[in-house]
Amino acid sequence: MIVRTLIAAAGLALLATAPASAAAPCKDAKGKFTKCPPAKPTPTRCRSNGKFVKCGTPGAKPA
């Protein structure tokens, strides 16, 4: 009896979750769908001797 209840609860939890891709479509101020802006590029980080340093520093390697 308890096993059936747990299985039913797990099934309902799986059905209630929404896919992540449909969670945030791009809309304008009026609520119409628009093309999403491109993602910002991530800055390059460099390391030297195990610490993060500016990439122009001698001996720095991209992390």
C-alpha atoms as a PDB file:
ATOM      1  CA  MET A   1       0.000   0.000   0.000  1.00  0.00           C
ATOM      2  CA  ILE A   2       2.754   2.447   0.943  1.00  0.00           C
ATOM      3  CA  VAL A   3       4.780   1.468  -2.122  1.00  0.00           C
ATOM      4  CA  ARG A   4       1.852   2.279  -4.431  1.00  0.00           C
ATOM      5  CA  THR A   5       1.427   5.676  -2.784  1.00  0.00           C
ATOM      6  CA  LEU A   6       5.127   6.475  -3.185  1.00  0.00           C
ATOM      7  CA  ILE A   7       5.108   5.437  -6.846  1.00  0.00           C
ATOM      8  CA  ALA A   8       2.014   7.533  -7.523  1.00  0.00           C
ATOM      9  CA  ALA A   9       3.553  10.557  -5.794  1.00  0.00           C
ATOM     10  CA  ALA A  10       6.776  10.192  -7.793  1.00  0.00           C
ATOM     11  CA  GLY A  11       4.787   9.954 -11.031  1.00  0.00           C
ATOM     12  CA  LEU A  12       2.852  13.113 -10.237  1.00  0.00           C
ATOM     13  CA  ALA A  13       6.056  14.953  -9.380  1.00  0.00           C
ATOM     14  CA  LEU A  14       7.572  14.020 -12.755  1.00  0.00           C
ATOM     15  CA  LEU A  15       4.488  15.229 -14.610  1.00  0.00           C
ATOM     16  CA  ALA A  16       4.375  18.523 -12.715  1.00  0.00           C
ATOM     17  CA  THR A  17       7.900  19.611 -13.669  1.00  0.00           C
ATOM     18  CA  ALA A  18       8.257  21.741 -16.808  1.00  0.00           C
ATOM     19  CA  PRO A  19      11.157  21.412 -19.242  1.00  0.00           C
ATOM     20  CA  ALA A  20      13.872  24.065 -18.748  1.00  0.00           C
ATOM     21  CA  SER A  21      13.911  25.114 -22.410  1.00  0.00           C
ATOM     22  CA  ALA A  22      10.254  26.179 -22.319  1.00  0.00           C
ATOM     23  CA  ALA A  23      10.595  28.041 -19.031  1.00  0.00           C
ATOM     24  CA  ALA A  24      11.918  31.380 -20.338  1.00  0.00           C
ATOM     25  CA  PRO A  25      10.936  32.317 -23.903  1.00  0.00           C
ATOM     26  CA  CYS A  26      11.854  35.829 -25.008  1.00  0.00           C
ATOM     27  CA  LYS A  27       8.974  38.310 -25.017  1.00  0.00           C
ATOM     28  CA  ASP A  28       8.794  42.044 -25.583  1.00  0.00           C
ATOM     29  CA  ALA A  29       7.023  44.591 -23.337  1.00  0.00           C
ATOM     30  CA  LYS A  30       3.638  43.809 -24.923  1.00  0.00           C
ATOM     31  CA  GLY A  31       4.007  40.067 -24.318  1.00  0.00           C
ATOM     32  CA  LYS A  32       4.705  39.066 -27.933  1.00  0.00           C
ATOM     33  CA  PHE A  33       7.353  36.478 -28.671  1.00  0.00           C
ATOM     34  CA  THR A  34      10.577  37.922 -30.086  1.00  0.00           C
ATOM     35  CA  LYS A  35      14.003  36.659 -31.041  1.00  0.00           C
ATOM     36  CA  CYS A  36      16.212  36.226 -27.967  1.00  0.00           C
ATOM     37  CA  PRO A  37      19.361  38.372 -27.771  1.00  0.00           C
ATOM     38  CA  PRO A  38      22.641  36.474 -28.175  1.00  0.00           C
ATOM     39  CA  ALA A  39      24.265  35.203 -25.016  1.00  0.00           C
ATOM     40  CA  LYS A  40      27.132  37.259 -23.629  1.00  0.00           C
ATOM     41  CA  PRO A  41      30.526  35.620 -24.138  1.00  0.00           C
ATOM     42  CA  THR A  42      32.242  34.505 -20.981  1.00  0.00           C
ATOM     43  CA  PRO A  43      35.491  36.331 -20.224  1.00  0.00           C
ATOM     44  CA  THR A  44      38.687  34.360 -20.574  1.00  0.00           C
ATOM     45  CA  ARG A  45      40.358  33.656 -17.248  1.00  0.00           C
ATOM     46  CA  CYS A  46      44.044  32.879 -16.916  1.00  0.00           C
ATOM     47  CA  ARG A  47      46.016  31.158 -14.165  1.00  0.00           C
ATOM     48  CA  SER A  48      49.580  31.381 -13.014  1.00  0.00           C
ATOM     49  CA  ASN A  49      50.957  29.381 -10.080  1.00  0.00           C
ATOM     50  CA  GLY A  50      47.440  28.219  -9.148  1.00  0.00           C
ATOM     51  CA  LYS A  51      46.020  31.753  -8.877  1.00  0.00           C
ATOM     52  CA  PHE A  52      43.848  33.767 -11.251  1.00  0.00           C
ATOM     53  CA  VAL A  53      45.790  36.597 -12.923  1.00  0.00           C
ATOM     54  CA  LYS A  54      45.344  38.936 -15.884  1.00  0.00           C
ATOM     55  CA  CYS A  55      45.894  37.162 -19.184  1.00  0.00           C
ATOM     56  CA  GLY A  56      48.670  39.578 -20.189  1.00  0.00           C
ATOM     57  CA  THR A  57      50.865  38.484 -17.275  1.00  0.00           C
ATOM     58  CA  PRO A  58      53.999  36.511 -18.289  1.00  0.00           C
ATOM     59  CA  GLY A  59      53.517  32.789 -17.643  1.00  0.00           C
ATOM     60  CA  ALA A  60      49.725  33.000 -17.466  1.00  0.00           C
ATOM     61  CA  LYS A  61      47.800  30.190 -19.149  1.00  0.00           C
ATOM     62  CA  PRO A  62      44.072  30.129 -20.025  1.00  0.00           C
ATOM     63  CA  ALA A  63      42.056  28.199 -17.450  1.00  0.00           C
END
